[in-house]
């Protein structure tokens, strides 16, 4: 059975400012790429964290059927949020441990819903460190942002 991977990244010019998200979806059989799909998009006024979240959301929402997938992100915010912090936020009615509203709550809720349909493993990689798939996701995020830049 092929393994499914999603390499995700977000980009922003100014924070907030125009931003983009990118996803490289890859079905693998060992070291052989069976199928590859590139996704990107953006917004005129957003933040880097929102675009990082949107990349992960779109990677999962684009899958037609329940899948076993590994999502690779260079965002510690996304990785830590979805694998750790989100459980407390949900328990506390989407409030932080100091009773403040969770930032980007609508993105976190959408990501939570999207991942619930799948069996997801989350991995973090260092960004801009020569990881080819992460570099491609970054390129896609910048392409998604391009129409919104002056």
N, C-alpha and C. Protein backbone atom coordinates (compact mmCIF):
# COMPACT_ATOMS: atom_id res chain seq x y z
N UNK A 1 0.85 -1.18 0.00
CA UNK A 1 0.00 0.00 0.00
C UNK A 1 0.89 1.25 0.00
N UNK A 2 0.60 2.20 -0.89
CA UNK A 2 1.44 3.40 -0.94
C UNK A 2 1.32 4.23 0.33
N UNK A 3 2.41 4.92 0.65
CA UNK A 3 2.40 5.84 1.79
C UNK A 3 2.12 7.24 1.26
N UNK A 4 1.36 8.02 2.03
CA UNK A 4 0.98 9.36 1.63
C UNK A 4 1.66 10.38 2.52
N UNK A 5 2.25 11.39 1.89
CA UNK A 5 2.95 12.46 2.59
C UNK A 5 2.44 13.81 2.10
N UNK A 6 2.34 14.77 3.02
CA UNK A 6 2.02 16.14 2.65
C UNK A 6 3.08 17.04 3.25
N UNK A 7 3.78 17.76 2.40
CA UNK A 7 4.77 18.74 2.83
C UNK A 7 4.09 20.10 2.73
N UNK A 8 4.02 20.82 3.85
CA UNK A 8 3.24 22.05 3.89
C UNK A 8 4.10 23.24 4.31
N UNK A 9 3.72 24.43 3.80
CA UNK A 9 4.43 25.63 4.21
C UNK A 9 3.53 26.84 4.00
N UNK A 10 3.79 27.87 4.78
CA UNK A 10 3.11 29.15 4.64
C UNK A 10 4.14 30.25 4.47
N UNK A 11 3.70 31.34 3.86
CA UNK A 11 4.59 32.48 3.64
C UNK A 11 3.78 33.76 3.81
N UNK A 12 4.45 34.80 4.24
CA UNK A 12 3.78 36.09 4.42
C UNK A 12 4.78 37.20 4.12
N UNK A 13 4.31 38.25 3.45
CA UNK A 13 5.14 39.42 3.19
C UNK A 13 4.62 40.53 4.08
N UNK A 14 5.29 40.72 5.20
CA UNK A 14 4.73 41.52 6.26
C UNK A 14 3.91 40.57 7.12
N UNK A 15 3.69 40.90 8.35
CA UNK A 15 2.96 39.97 9.23
C UNK A 15 2.13 40.80 10.21
N UNK A 16 0.93 41.23 9.84
CA UNK A 16 0.14 40.75 8.70
C UNK A 16 0.52 41.42 7.38
N UNK A 17 0.07 40.78 6.32
CA UNK A 17 0.29 41.25 4.97
C UNK A 17 -0.20 40.21 4.00
N UNK A 18 0.15 40.36 2.71
CA UNK A 18 -0.23 39.32 1.74
C UNK A 18 0.48 38.02 2.08
N UNK A 19 -0.22 36.92 1.95
CA UNK A 19 0.37 35.63 2.31
C UNK A 19 -0.07 34.52 1.39
N UNK A 20 0.63 33.40 1.49
CA UNK A 20 0.31 32.24 0.67
C UNK A 20 0.61 30.95 1.41
N UNK A 21 0.00 29.89 0.93
CA UNK A 21 0.24 28.56 1.48
C UNK A 21 0.55 27.61 0.33
N UNK A 22 1.32 26.58 0.63
CA UNK A 22 1.68 25.60 -0.39
C UNK A 22 1.71 24.19 0.18
N UNK A 23 1.34 23.24 -0.66
CA UNK A 23 1.31 21.83 -0.27
C UNK A 23 1.88 20.99 -1.41
N UNK A 24 2.80 20.12 -1.08
CA UNK A 24 3.27 19.08 -2.00
C UNK A 24 2.74 17.76 -1.45
N UNK A 25 1.78 17.17 -2.16
CA UNK A 25 1.22 15.86 -1.77
C UNK A 25 1.94 14.79 -2.58
N UNK A 26 2.34 13.73 -1.90
CA UNK A 26 3.10 12.70 -2.58
C UNK A 26 2.68 11.32 -2.10
N UNK A 27 2.37 10.45 -3.04
CA UNK A 27 2.12 9.03 -2.75
C UNK A 27 3.40 8.29 -3.10
N UNK A 28 3.90 7.51 -2.13
CA UNK A 28 5.19 6.84 -2.29
C UNK A 28 5.06 5.33 -2.10
N UNK A 29 5.87 4.61 -2.84
CA UNK A 29 6.06 3.18 -2.61
C UNK A 29 7.56 3.02 -2.36
N UNK A 30 7.92 2.97 -1.09
CA UNK A 30 9.36 2.97 -0.75
C UNK A 30 9.95 4.29 -1.17
N UNK A 31 10.97 4.25 -2.04
CA UNK A 31 11.63 5.46 -2.53
C UNK A 31 11.04 5.94 -3.86
N UNK A 32 10.03 5.24 -4.37
CA UNK A 32 9.45 5.57 -5.67
C UNK A 32 8.23 6.46 -5.50
N UNK A 33 8.25 7.59 -6.20
CA UNK A 33 7.10 8.49 -6.21
C UNK A 33 6.07 7.93 -7.18
N UNK A 34 4.88 7.60 -6.66
CA UNK A 34 3.82 7.07 -7.50
C UNK A 34 2.96 8.18 -8.10
N UNK A 35 2.71 9.20 -7.30
CA UNK A 35 1.84 10.29 -7.73
C UNK A 35 2.21 11.53 -6.93
N UNK A 36 2.10 12.69 -7.58
CA UNK A 36 2.43 13.93 -6.91
C UNK A 36 1.39 14.99 -7.30
N UNK A 37 1.04 15.82 -6.34
CA UNK A 37 0.08 16.89 -6.60
C UNK A 37 0.54 18.14 -5.84
N UNK A 38 0.46 19.29 -6.50
CA UNK A 38 0.86 20.55 -5.90
C UNK A 38 -0.38 21.43 -5.71
N UNK A 39 -0.48 22.05 -4.54
CA UNK A 39 -1.59 22.94 -4.23
C UNK A 39 -1.02 24.25 -3.70
N UNK A 40 -1.69 25.36 -4.01
CA UNK A 40 -1.29 26.62 -3.41
C UNK A 40 -2.44 27.61 -3.48
N UNK A 41 -2.36 28.61 -2.63
CA UNK A 41 -3.36 29.66 -2.60
C UNK A 41 -2.86 30.76 -1.69
N UNK A 42 -3.66 31.80 -1.55
CA UNK A 42 -3.22 32.89 -0.71
C UNK A 42 -4.33 33.85 -0.38
N UNK A 43 -3.97 34.88 0.36
CA UNK A 43 -4.91 35.90 0.79
C UNK A 43 -4.20 37.25 0.80
N UNK A 44 -5.00 38.32 0.65
CA UNK A 44 -4.44 39.67 0.60
C UNK A 44 -3.93 40.14 1.96
N UNK A 45 -4.62 39.77 3.03
CA UNK A 45 -4.23 40.22 4.37
C UNK A 45 -4.35 39.04 5.34
N UNK A 46 -3.21 38.56 5.78
CA UNK A 46 -3.17 37.38 6.62
C UNK A 46 -1.88 37.41 7.45
N UNK A 47 -1.64 36.33 8.18
CA UNK A 47 -0.40 36.21 8.95
C UNK A 47 0.33 34.93 8.55
N UNK A 48 1.59 34.87 8.90
CA UNK A 48 2.38 33.67 8.61
C UNK A 48 1.77 32.44 9.27
N UNK A 49 1.38 32.56 10.55
CA UNK A 49 0.80 31.41 11.24
C UNK A 49 -0.50 30.95 10.59
N UNK A 50 -1.32 31.90 10.14
CA UNK A 50 -2.57 31.52 9.46
C UNK A 50 -2.28 30.76 8.17
N UNK A 51 -1.26 31.17 7.44
CA UNK A 51 -0.93 30.49 6.19
C UNK A 51 -0.31 29.12 6.46
N UNK A 52 0.47 28.99 7.53
CA UNK A 52 0.99 27.67 7.92
C UNK A 52 -0.17 26.73 8.24
N UNK A 53 -1.14 27.24 8.99
CA UNK A 53 -2.32 26.44 9.33
C UNK A 53 -3.13 26.09 8.08
N UNK A 54 -3.31 27.06 7.19
CA UNK A 54 -4.10 26.82 5.99
C UNK A 54 -3.47 25.75 5.10
N UNK A 55 -2.15 25.73 5.03
CA UNK A 55 -1.47 24.69 4.25
C UNK A 55 -1.81 23.30 4.79
N UNK A 56 -1.75 23.15 6.09
CA UNK A 56 -2.07 21.85 6.71
C UNK A 56 -3.55 21.50 6.49
N UNK A 57 -4.42 22.50 6.65
CA UNK A 57 -5.86 22.29 6.44
C UNK A 57 -6.11 21.81 5.01
N UNK A 58 -5.55 22.51 4.04
CA UNK A 58 -5.81 22.18 2.64
C UNK A 58 -5.24 20.81 2.28
N UNK A 59 -4.09 20.46 2.86
CA UNK A 59 -3.51 19.14 2.60
C UNK A 59 -4.49 18.04 2.99
N UNK A 60 -5.16 18.21 4.13
CA UNK A 60 -6.09 17.19 4.63
C UNK A 60 -7.46 17.29 3.97
N UNK A 61 -7.94 18.50 3.74
CA UNK A 61 -9.27 18.66 3.15
C UNK A 61 -9.33 18.22 1.69
N UNK A 62 -8.21 18.24 1.00
CA UNK A 62 -8.20 17.86 -0.41
C UNK A 62 -8.32 16.35 -0.62
N UNK A 63 -8.08 15.56 0.42
CA UNK A 63 -8.15 14.10 0.30
C UNK A 63 -9.60 13.64 0.23
N UNK A 64 -9.93 12.90 -0.83
CA UNK A 64 -11.30 12.45 -1.06
C UNK A 64 -11.77 11.41 -0.05
N UNK A 65 -10.86 10.53 0.34
CA UNK A 65 -11.26 9.46 1.26
C UNK A 65 -10.36 9.44 2.48
N UNK A 66 -10.83 8.76 3.50
CA UNK A 66 -10.07 8.62 4.73
C UNK A 66 -8.71 8.02 4.38
N UNK A 67 -7.66 8.65 4.89
CA UNK A 67 -6.30 8.27 4.52
C UNK A 67 -5.40 8.18 5.73
N UNK A 68 -4.33 7.42 5.55
CA UNK A 68 -3.22 7.40 6.50
C UNK A 68 -2.18 8.31 5.87
N UNK A 69 -1.82 9.39 6.56
CA UNK A 69 -0.95 10.40 5.97
C UNK A 69 0.02 10.95 7.00
N UNK A 70 1.21 11.30 6.53
CA UNK A 70 2.19 12.00 7.34
C UNK A 70 2.26 13.43 6.82
N UNK A 71 2.01 14.38 7.70
CA UNK A 71 2.10 15.80 7.35
C UNK A 71 3.41 16.32 7.90
N UNK A 72 4.22 16.88 7.00
CA UNK A 72 5.53 17.41 7.37
C UNK A 72 5.47 18.93 7.26
N UNK A 73 5.72 19.62 8.35
CA UNK A 73 5.66 21.08 8.41
C UNK A 73 6.95 21.62 9.00
N UNK A 74 7.29 22.87 8.61
CA UNK A 74 8.43 23.52 9.26
C UNK A 74 7.95 24.50 10.33
N UNK A 75 6.65 24.41 10.65
CA UNK A 75 6.07 25.29 11.66
C UNK A 75 5.92 24.56 12.99
N UNK A 76 6.73 24.95 13.97
CA UNK A 76 6.59 24.38 15.31
C UNK A 76 5.23 24.76 15.89
N UNK A 77 4.72 25.93 15.52
CA UNK A 77 3.40 26.40 15.95
C UNK A 77 2.32 25.39 15.54
N UNK A 78 2.32 24.98 14.28
CA UNK A 78 1.34 24.01 13.80
C UNK A 78 1.56 22.65 14.45
N UNK A 79 2.79 22.17 14.43
CA UNK A 79 3.08 20.83 14.97
C UNK A 79 2.74 20.74 16.46
N UNK A 80 3.20 21.71 17.25
CA UNK A 80 2.92 21.68 18.69
C UNK A 80 1.44 21.92 18.96
N UNK A 81 0.83 22.81 18.21
CA UNK A 81 -0.58 23.10 18.41
C UNK A 81 -1.47 21.89 18.19
N UNK A 82 -1.23 21.19 17.08
CA UNK A 82 -2.13 20.09 16.71
C UNK A 82 -1.83 18.79 17.46
N UNK A 83 -0.61 18.65 17.96
CA UNK A 83 -0.26 17.41 18.66
C UNK A 83 -0.30 17.55 20.18
N UNK A 84 -0.39 18.79 20.68
CA UNK A 84 -0.31 18.98 22.13
C UNK A 84 -1.32 20.00 22.64
N UNK A 85 -1.17 21.26 22.25
CA UNK A 85 -1.95 22.34 22.84
C UNK A 85 -3.45 22.21 22.60
N UNK A 86 -3.84 21.67 21.44
CA UNK A 86 -5.25 21.65 21.03
C UNK A 86 -6.14 20.89 22.03
N UNK A 87 -5.59 19.89 22.68
CA UNK A 87 -6.39 19.09 23.61
C UNK A 87 -6.86 19.94 24.79
N UNK A 88 -5.95 20.74 25.34
CA UNK A 88 -6.31 21.65 26.43
C UNK A 88 -7.25 22.75 25.96
N UNK A 89 -7.00 23.28 24.77
CA UNK A 89 -7.87 24.34 24.23
C UNK A 89 -9.30 23.84 24.11
N UNK A 90 -9.46 22.64 23.58
CA UNK A 90 -10.81 22.08 23.40
C UNK A 90 -11.47 21.84 24.77
N UNK A 91 -10.70 21.31 25.69
CA UNK A 91 -11.21 21.05 27.04
C UNK A 91 -11.64 22.35 27.73
N UNK A 92 -10.92 23.44 27.43
CA UNK A 92 -11.19 24.74 28.05
C UNK A 92 -12.11 25.63 27.21
N UNK A 93 -12.84 25.03 26.26
CA UNK A 93 -13.74 25.83 25.44
C UNK A 93 -13.01 26.78 24.52
N UNK A 94 -11.90 26.31 23.94
CA UNK A 94 -11.06 27.10 23.03
C UNK A 94 -10.49 28.34 23.71
N UNK A 95 -10.07 28.15 24.94
CA UNK A 95 -9.35 29.19 25.69
C UNK A 95 -7.97 28.62 26.05
N UNK A 96 -7.01 29.52 26.18
CA UNK A 96 -5.67 29.12 26.58
C UNK A 96 -5.66 28.81 28.07
N UNK A 97 -4.52 28.33 28.55
CA UNK A 97 -4.41 28.00 29.98
C UNK A 97 -4.60 29.23 30.86
N UNK A 98 -4.34 30.43 30.32
CA UNK A 98 -4.58 31.64 31.12
C UNK A 98 -5.92 32.29 30.75
N UNK A 99 -6.84 31.47 30.23
CA UNK A 99 -8.25 31.85 29.99
C UNK A 99 -8.47 32.88 28.89
N UNK A 100 -7.46 33.06 28.03
CA UNK A 100 -7.61 33.97 26.89
C UNK A 100 -8.08 33.18 25.67
N UNK A 101 -8.81 33.82 24.75
CA UNK A 101 -9.23 33.11 23.53
C UNK A 101 -8.01 32.64 22.73
N UNK A 102 -8.12 31.44 22.17
CA UNK A 102 -7.05 30.90 21.32
C UNK A 102 -6.95 31.76 20.06
N UNK A 103 -5.73 32.18 19.73
CA UNK A 103 -5.52 32.93 18.49
C UNK A 103 -5.73 32.00 17.30
N UNK A 104 -6.32 32.53 16.24
CA UNK A 104 -6.57 31.77 15.01
C UNK A 104 -7.51 30.59 15.24
N UNK A 105 -8.45 30.76 16.17
CA UNK A 105 -9.31 29.65 16.58
C UNK A 105 -10.06 29.03 15.41
N UNK A 106 -10.52 29.84 14.46
CA UNK A 106 -11.28 29.28 13.34
C UNK A 106 -10.40 28.37 12.48
N UNK A 107 -9.11 28.67 12.39
CA UNK A 107 -8.18 27.81 11.65
C UNK A 107 -7.93 26.51 12.43
N UNK A 108 -7.73 26.64 13.74
CA UNK A 108 -7.49 25.45 14.57
C UNK A 108 -8.70 24.52 14.55
N UNK A 109 -9.90 25.09 14.61
CA UNK A 109 -11.11 24.26 14.59
C UNK A 109 -11.24 23.54 13.25
N UNK A 110 -10.94 24.25 12.18
CA UNK A 110 -11.02 23.64 10.85
C UNK A 110 -9.97 22.55 10.70
N UNK A 111 -8.77 22.78 11.21
CA UNK A 111 -7.72 21.76 11.15
C UNK A 111 -8.10 20.54 11.99
N UNK A 112 -8.67 20.78 13.16
CA UNK A 112 -9.11 19.69 14.03
C UNK A 112 -10.15 18.82 13.32
N UNK A 113 -11.09 19.46 12.66
CA UNK A 113 -12.13 18.74 11.92
C UNK A 113 -11.53 17.98 10.74
N UNK A 114 -10.61 18.60 10.02
CA UNK A 114 -10.00 17.96 8.85
C UNK A 114 -9.17 16.75 9.26
N UNK A 115 -8.43 16.85 10.35
CA UNK A 115 -7.58 15.72 10.73
C UNK A 115 -8.39 14.58 11.35
N UNK A 116 -9.57 14.88 11.88
CA UNK A 116 -10.40 13.84 12.50
C UNK A 116 -10.84 12.78 11.48
N UNK A 117 -10.85 13.14 10.21
CA UNK A 117 -11.28 12.20 9.16
C UNK A 117 -10.16 11.25 8.73
N UNK A 118 -8.95 11.49 9.21
CA UNK A 118 -7.79 10.75 8.74
C UNK A 118 -6.96 10.22 9.91
N UNK A 119 -6.01 9.36 9.59
CA UNK A 119 -5.01 8.93 10.56
C UNK A 119 -3.74 9.71 10.22
N UNK A 120 -3.45 10.73 11.03
CA UNK A 120 -2.38 11.67 10.70
C UNK A 120 -1.21 11.54 11.66
N UNK A 121 -0.02 11.48 11.09
CA UNK A 121 1.22 11.59 11.84
C UNK A 121 1.81 12.95 11.47
N UNK A 122 2.23 13.69 12.48
CA UNK A 122 2.79 15.02 12.27
C UNK A 122 4.29 14.99 12.48
N UNK A 123 5.03 15.61 11.55
CA UNK A 123 6.49 15.71 11.68
C UNK A 123 6.91 17.14 11.44
N UNK A 124 7.96 17.55 12.14
CA UNK A 124 8.54 18.88 11.96
C UNK A 124 9.89 18.74 11.30
N UNK A 125 10.16 19.63 10.34
CA UNK A 125 11.49 19.73 9.74
C UNK A 125 11.94 21.18 9.84
N UNK A 126 13.23 21.39 9.92
CA UNK A 126 13.77 22.76 9.94
C UNK A 126 13.56 23.39 8.58
N UNK A 127 12.96 24.58 8.56
CA UNK A 127 12.72 25.28 7.31
C UNK A 127 13.99 25.89 6.74
N UNK A 128 14.01 26.04 5.43
CA UNK A 128 15.12 26.68 4.72
C UNK A 128 16.46 26.03 5.06
N UNK A 129 16.42 24.71 5.17
CA UNK A 129 17.63 23.97 5.53
C UNK A 129 18.00 22.95 4.44
N UNK A 130 17.50 23.18 3.23
CA UNK A 130 17.88 22.30 2.12
C UNK A 130 17.05 21.03 2.00
N UNK A 131 15.95 20.93 2.73
CA UNK A 131 15.05 19.78 2.63
C UNK A 131 14.24 19.97 1.34
N UNK A 132 14.48 19.16 0.29
CA UNK A 132 13.91 19.44 -1.04
C UNK A 132 12.39 19.59 -1.06
N UNK A 133 11.68 18.73 -0.35
CA UNK A 133 10.22 18.81 -0.37
C UNK A 133 9.72 20.04 0.39
N UNK A 134 10.40 20.40 1.48
CA UNK A 134 10.03 21.61 2.21
C UNK A 134 10.32 22.84 1.36
N UNK A 135 11.42 22.83 0.63
CA UNK A 135 11.74 23.94 -0.27
C UNK A 135 10.68 24.07 -1.35
N UNK A 136 10.19 22.94 -1.86
CA UNK A 136 9.13 22.97 -2.87
C UNK A 136 7.84 23.54 -2.28
N UNK A 137 7.48 23.13 -1.06
CA UNK A 137 6.29 23.67 -0.40
C UNK A 137 6.43 25.17 -0.20
N UNK A 138 7.63 25.64 0.15
CA UNK A 138 7.90 27.07 0.30
C UNK A 138 7.72 27.80 -1.03
N UNK A 139 8.22 27.20 -2.10
CA UNK A 139 8.06 27.77 -3.44
C UNK A 139 6.58 27.89 -3.80
N UNK A 140 5.81 26.86 -3.48
CA UNK A 140 4.37 26.88 -3.75
C UNK A 140 3.67 27.96 -2.91
N UNK A 141 4.08 28.10 -1.66
CA UNK A 141 3.49 29.13 -0.79
C UNK A 141 3.76 30.52 -1.35
N UNK A 142 4.98 30.73 -1.83
CA UNK A 142 5.31 32.04 -2.41
C UNK A 142 4.54 32.26 -3.71
N UNK A 143 4.30 31.19 -4.48
CA UNK A 143 3.48 31.30 -5.70
C UNK A 143 2.04 31.63 -5.34
N UNK A 144 1.54 31.06 -4.24
CA UNK A 144 0.18 31.36 -3.79
C UNK A 144 0.04 32.80 -3.32
N UNK A 145 1.10 33.37 -2.79
CA UNK A 145 1.10 34.74 -2.29
C UNK A 145 1.23 35.75 -3.43
N UNK A 146 1.89 35.37 -4.52
CA UNK A 146 2.25 36.30 -5.60
C UNK A 146 1.11 37.19 -6.11
N UNK A 147 -0.11 36.65 -6.34
CA UNK A 147 -1.16 37.51 -6.87
C UNK A 147 -1.60 38.60 -5.90
N UNK A 148 -1.25 38.50 -4.64
CA UNK A 148 -1.71 39.45 -3.62
C UNK A 148 -0.66 40.49 -3.26
N UNK A 149 0.55 40.33 -3.81
CA UNK A 149 1.62 41.30 -3.54
C UNK A 149 1.49 42.46 -4.52
N UNK A 150 1.94 43.62 -4.07
CA UNK A 150 1.87 44.82 -4.94
C UNK A 150 2.77 44.69 -6.15
